[in-house]
Amino acid sequence: MNLLITGAASGIGACIAQLACKQGHTVVAADLNETALTSRWGNEPAVRCMVLDVRNQDSWAALLEQLDEKRWPVDVLINVAGVLRSGRAGELKSDDIDLMLDVNLKGTILGTNAVAAAMIARGHPGHIINIGSIASLYATPGTTIYATSKHAVRGFSIAAAGDLRPHGIAVSLVGPGPVKTAMLEQQRGDEKAALTFSGARALNPEEVAQAVLGPVMRHRPLEQFIPWREGILGKLCTVAPGFFLRMTKRAAERGKKHFDSVGYRQ
């Protein structure tokens, strides 16, 4: 299959791309950071590097035009690109708000829309996988806009799945818990992000990649949260937000104790 993966220069995106190559897929690795992208994938024959600003509709159009010219149709789009800046309501910075909503939400919407249009025009069933977060269910104080963006990614993914089913195109939301990446490292020691560290451990990026390229690609579920128990608890917290908010103070204290935990070290 031909896979288009955003945010592929590092972190979860790079790990998915690496496993996809091992599985025999052809990968288009897209990222805004051209230097990191070519440094990571320049010598891998199964990977085609493409510079992409997920926030920009023209950038998506240009990328898909290049793929069409080269006859590299996208079978599976995996929207991974994401950013996180901590911040509480009343202290939020305008630039941080714009960045998270533009990359996490607008980037996912623009990518889904552009690739879905190409799949529909081609008349070939496809699969779009949007990487949300466990924060798609937990409205976490302290990482307020990040949680907002990931809640919106979940809502968009579910609605888009309904739009695209008649065309044979599946949309799946994957919501991992904290993952051992640079994004997690930037939160270490930040009290606003303490809830990120409140669980028993962080996931390895390989666990996310295996889920995406394993059961998610095989079964094309509407959504899959990792670990699944967190998904169940998160849905309960969504139904009972008052209960969730009562839990957060104790959970944040636990998270602070976990800042230096082995379970959160790369």
Protein backbone atom coordinates (compact mmCIF):
# COMPACT_ATOMS: atom_id res chain seq x y z
CA MET A 1 0.00 0.00 0.00
CA ASN A 2 0.96 3.63 -0.46
CA LEU A 3 0.94 5.46 2.87
CA LEU A 4 1.10 9.22 3.33
CA ILE A 5 2.27 10.06 6.87
CA THR A 6 2.44 13.61 8.24
CA GLY A 7 4.80 14.59 11.04
CA ALA A 8 7.11 11.86 9.77
CA ALA A 9 10.45 13.48 10.60
CA SER A 10 10.34 12.42 14.25
CA GLY A 11 8.30 10.90 17.05
CA ILE A 12 5.22 8.80 16.39
CA GLY A 13 5.16 9.69 12.69
CA ALA A 14 8.73 8.51 12.14
CA CYS A 15 8.07 5.32 14.07
CA ILE A 16 4.97 4.53 11.98
CA ALA A 17 6.94 5.20 8.80
CA GLN A 18 9.77 2.93 9.91
CA LEU A 19 7.44 0.04 10.71
CA ALA A 20 5.51 0.60 7.48
CA CYS A 21 8.75 0.19 5.50
CA LYS A 22 9.50 -3.06 7.35
CA GLN A 23 6.03 -4.30 6.44
CA GLY A 24 6.65 -3.61 2.76
CA HIS A 25 4.54 -0.48 2.31
CA THR A 26 5.62 2.47 0.20
CA VAL A 27 5.76 5.60 2.36
CA VAL A 28 5.44 9.28 1.55
CA ALA A 29 6.96 10.96 4.60
CA ALA A 30 5.70 14.54 4.96
CA ASP A 31 6.88 17.19 7.38
CA LEU A 32 7.46 20.94 7.54
CA ASN A 33 11.05 20.43 8.74
CA GLU A 34 12.84 19.58 5.49
CA THR A 35 16.26 19.21 7.14
CA ALA A 36 15.02 16.72 9.74
CA LEU A 37 12.98 14.90 7.12
CA THR A 38 15.81 14.32 4.69
CA SER A 39 18.24 13.56 7.50
CA ARG A 40 15.88 10.87 8.79
CA TRP A 41 14.74 9.35 5.48
CA GLY A 42 17.11 10.50 2.74
CA ASN A 43 18.78 7.09 2.42
CA GLU A 44 15.65 4.94 2.66
CA PRO A 45 14.57 3.82 -0.85
CA ALA A 46 11.01 2.94 0.23
CA VAL A 47 10.39 6.48 1.54
CA ARG A 48 9.66 9.56 -0.55
CA CYS A 49 10.19 12.79 1.37
CA MET A 50 7.79 15.68 0.83
CA VAL A 51 7.81 19.07 2.55
CA LEU A 52 4.31 19.89 3.80
CA ASP A 53 2.78 22.62 5.94
CA VAL A 54 -0.35 20.86 7.19
CA ARG A 55 -1.89 24.25 8.09
CA ASN A 56 -1.92 25.41 4.49
CA GLN A 57 -4.47 24.23 1.92
CA ASP A 58 -2.21 25.16 -1.01
CA SER A 59 0.59 23.06 0.49
CA TRP A 60 -1.73 20.02 0.58
CA ALA A 61 -2.84 20.68 -3.00
CA ALA A 62 0.76 20.95 -4.21
CA LEU A 63 1.76 17.73 -2.50
CA LEU A 64 -1.16 15.77 -3.95
CA GLU A 65 -0.48 17.22 -7.40
CA GLN A 66 3.09 15.95 -7.19
CA LEU A 67 1.89 12.51 -6.11
CA ASP A 68 -0.62 12.43 -8.96
CA GLU A 69 2.07 13.38 -11.50
CA LYS A 70 4.30 10.59 -10.21
CA ARG A 71 1.37 8.13 -10.13
CA TRP A 72 1.68 7.57 -6.38
CA PRO A 73 -1.96 7.36 -5.29
CA VAL A 74 -2.58 7.55 -1.54
CA ASP A 75 -4.21 4.40 -0.17
CA VAL A 76 -3.88 5.39 3.49
CA LEU A 77 -3.42 8.86 5.00
CA ILE A 78 -2.10 8.95 8.56
CA ASN A 79 -2.44 12.43 10.07
CA VAL A 80 0.16 12.49 12.86
CA ALA A 81 1.51 16.06 12.89
CA GLY A 82 0.79 17.71 16.23
CA VAL A 83 2.11 20.19 18.77
CA LEU A 84 1.54 20.88 22.44
CA ARG A 85 2.00 23.99 24.56
CA SER A 86 0.79 23.90 28.15
CA GLY A 87 -1.35 26.71 29.52
CA ARG A 88 -4.35 27.41 31.74
CA ALA A 89 -7.39 29.52 30.88
CA GLY A 90 -6.63 33.10 31.85
CA GLU A 91 -2.94 32.63 31.04
CA LEU A 92 -3.14 31.44 27.44
CA LYS A 93 -0.94 33.01 24.78
CA SER A 94 -2.51 33.89 21.44
CA ASP A 95 0.39 32.38 19.47
CA ASP A 96 0.05 29.08 21.33
CA ILE A 97 -3.69 28.98 20.72
CA ASP A 98 -3.22 29.59 17.00
CA LEU A 99 -0.41 27.05 16.67
CA MET A 100 -2.25 24.17 18.35
CA LEU A 101 -5.56 24.77 16.63
CA ASP A 102 -3.88 25.27 13.26
CA VAL A 103 -1.62 22.20 13.38
CA ASN A 104 -3.64 19.74 15.44
CA LEU A 105 -7.13 20.53 14.18
CA LYS A 106 -6.95 22.55 10.97
CA GLY A 107 -4.10 20.38 9.67
CA THR A 108 -6.15 17.23 10.24
CA ILE A 109 -9.21 18.75 8.59
CA LEU A 110 -7.32 20.04 5.56
CA GLY A 111 -5.47 16.76 5.07
CA THR A 112 -8.58 14.62 5.42
CA ASN A 113 -10.50 16.85 3.04
CA ALA A 114 -7.78 16.98 0.38
CA VAL A 115 -6.97 13.27 0.40
CA ALA A 116 -10.64 12.23 0.60
CA ALA A 117 -11.36 14.32 -2.51
CA ALA A 118 -8.54 12.57 -4.35
CA MET A 119 -9.77 9.14 -3.23
CA ILE A 120 -13.33 9.93 -4.33
CA ALA A 121 -12.14 11.17 -7.73
CA ARG A 122 -10.10 8.00 -8.15
CA GLY A 123 -13.08 5.85 -7.21
CA HIS A 124 -10.88 3.66 -5.04
CA PRO A 125 -11.69 2.87 -1.38
CA GLY A 126 -9.20 4.30 1.06
CA HIS A 127 -8.49 4.78 4.74
CA ILE A 128 -7.78 7.94 6.71
CA ILE A 129 -6.29 7.55 10.18
CA ASN A 130 -6.26 10.61 12.42
CA ILE A 131 -4.01 10.55 15.45
CA GLY A 132 -5.91 12.13 18.30
CA SER A 133 -5.00 11.54 21.91
CA ILE A 134 -6.42 10.23 25.13
CA ALA A 135 -6.97 13.98 25.57
CA SER A 136 -9.68 13.56 22.92
CA LEU A 137 -11.69 12.23 25.88
CA TYR A 138 -10.09 13.87 28.93
CA ALA A 139 -10.52 17.67 28.93
CA THR A 140 -7.30 18.13 30.86
CA PRO A 141 -6.84 21.39 32.78
CA GLY A 142 -3.36 22.79 32.30
CA THR A 143 -3.07 21.60 28.70
CA THR A 144 -6.38 23.23 27.91
CA ILE A 145 -6.03 24.15 24.24
CA TYR A 146 -4.29 20.89 23.37
CA ALA A 147 -7.23 18.99 24.86
CA THR A 148 -9.62 21.30 23.03
CA SER A 149 -7.92 20.59 19.71
CA LYS A 150 -7.92 16.84 20.27
CA HIS A 151 -11.59 16.81 21.33
CA ALA A 152 -12.33 18.60 18.06
CA VAL A 153 -10.23 16.10 16.08
CA ARG A 154 -12.39 13.32 17.51
CA GLY A 155 -15.61 15.12 16.62
CA PHE A 156 -14.38 15.88 13.11
CA SER A 157 -13.20 12.29 12.56
CA ILE A 158 -16.55 10.80 13.56
CA ALA A 159 -18.48 13.25 11.35
CA ALA A 160 -16.08 12.72 8.43
CA ALA A 161 -16.46 8.95 8.80
CA GLY A 162 -20.18 9.38 8.22
CA ASP A 163 -19.57 11.63 5.21
CA LEU A 164 -17.12 9.27 3.55
CA ARG A 165 -18.62 5.84 4.23
CA PRO A 166 -20.81 5.97 1.09
CA HIS A 167 -17.60 6.29 -0.93
CA GLY A 168 -15.95 3.28 0.71
CA ILE A 169 -13.49 5.47 2.61
CA ALA A 170 -13.00 4.66 6.29
CA VAL A 171 -11.95 7.23 8.88
CA SER A 172 -10.39 6.03 12.13
CA LEU A 173 -9.40 8.01 15.19
CA VAL A 174 -6.46 6.63 17.20
CA GLY A 175 -6.14 8.09 20.70
CA PRO A 176 -2.92 7.10 22.47
CA GLY A 177 -2.08 8.01 26.03
CA PRO A 178 1.22 9.81 26.75
CA VAL A 179 3.98 8.60 24.43
CA LYS A 180 7.74 8.71 25.00
CA THR A 181 8.61 11.39 22.47
CA ALA A 182 10.09 14.88 22.46
CA MET A 183 6.58 16.22 23.07
CA LEU A 184 6.43 14.35 26.37
CA GLU A 185 9.92 15.50 27.32
CA GLN A 186 8.99 19.15 26.91
CA GLN A 187 6.25 18.66 29.53
CA ARG A 188 8.49 17.03 32.13
CA GLY A 189 8.63 19.13 35.28
CA ASP A 190 5.88 21.48 34.05
CA GLU A 191 3.23 21.56 36.77
CA LYS A 192 0.58 22.68 34.27
CA ALA A 193 1.14 19.38 32.44
CA ALA A 194 1.15 17.19 35.55
CA LEU A 195 -1.98 15.30 34.47
CA THR A 196 -0.02 13.93 31.51
CA PHE A 197 2.14 11.97 33.99
CA SER A 198 -0.68 10.73 36.24
CA GLY A 199 -0.91 7.20 34.80
CA ALA A 200 1.28 4.19 35.52
CA ARG A 201 3.57 4.71 32.50
CA ALA A 202 3.92 6.27 29.08
CA LEU A 203 3.59 4.30 25.86
CA ASN A 204 6.51 3.61 23.57
CA PRO A 205 6.03 5.03 20.05
CA GLU A 206 6.42 1.48 18.75
CA GLU A 207 3.23 0.49 20.58
CA VAL A 208 1.31 3.19 18.75
CA ALA A 209 2.85 2.25 15.40
CA GLN A 210 1.99 -1.41 15.90
CA ALA A 211 -1.62 -0.53 16.71
CA VAL A 212 -1.96 1.81 13.72
CA LEU A 213 -0.41 -0.58 11.19
CA GLY A 214 -1.94 -3.67 12.82
CA PRO A 215 -5.54 -3.78 14.07
CA VAL A 216 -6.46 -0.26 12.95
CA MET A 217 -5.45 -0.77 9.32
CA ARG A 218 -6.86 -4.30 9.29
CA HIS A 219 -10.24 -3.64 10.90
CA ARG A 220 -10.70 0.09 10.15
CA PRO A 221 -12.49 0.88 13.45
CA LEU A 222 -14.19 4.22 14.00
CA GLU A 223 -11.91 4.83 16.98
CA GLN A 224 -9.33 3.03 19.06
CA PHE A 225 -7.80 4.29 22.28
CA ILE A 226 -4.50 2.99 23.64
CA PRO A 227 -4.51 1.55 26.23
CA TRP A 228 -8.13 0.49 25.88
CA ARG A 229 -8.84 0.81 29.61
CA GLU A 230 -8.03 4.51 29.44
CA GLY A 231 -10.49 4.83 26.59
CA ILE A 232 -13.27 3.34 28.68
CA LEU A 233 -12.47 5.56 31.68
CA GLY A 234 -12.15 8.59 29.39
CA LYS A 235 -15.62 8.02 27.95
CA LEU A 236 -17.04 7.78 31.48
CA CYS A 237 -15.34 11.07 32.33
CA THR A 238 -16.85 12.63 29.22
CA VAL A 239 -20.31 11.59 30.40
CA ALA A 240 -19.63 12.86 33.93
CA PRO A 241 -17.34 15.90 33.61
CA GLY A 242 -17.99 17.05 37.17
CA PHE A 243 -16.69 13.72 38.47
CA PHE A 244 -13.65 14.05 36.20
CA LEU A 245 -12.79 17.52 37.49
CA ARG A 246 -13.04 16.32 41.09
CA MET A 247 -10.42 13.69 40.26
CA THR A 248 -7.92 16.04 38.68
CA LYS A 249 -6.35 17.55 41.81
CA ARG A 250 -5.32 14.18 43.19
CA ALA A 251 -4.27 12.97 39.73
CA ALA A 252 -2.08 16.05 39.21
CA GLU A 253 -0.31 15.44 42.52
CA ARG A 254 0.36 11.88 41.43
CA GLY A 255 1.63 13.18 38.09
CA LYS A 256 4.16 15.48 39.76
CA LYS A 257 5.58 12.48 41.60
CA HIS A 258 5.94 10.70 38.25
CA PHE A 259 7.97 13.43 36.51
CA ASP A 260 11.14 11.40 37.05
CA SER A 261 9.52 7.97 36.86
CA VAL A 262 11.25 5.27 34.80
CA GLY A 263 7.89 4.59 33.18
CA TYR A 264 8.04 8.01 31.53
CA ARG A 265 11.69 7.89 30.41
CA GLN A 266 12.72 7.27 26.81
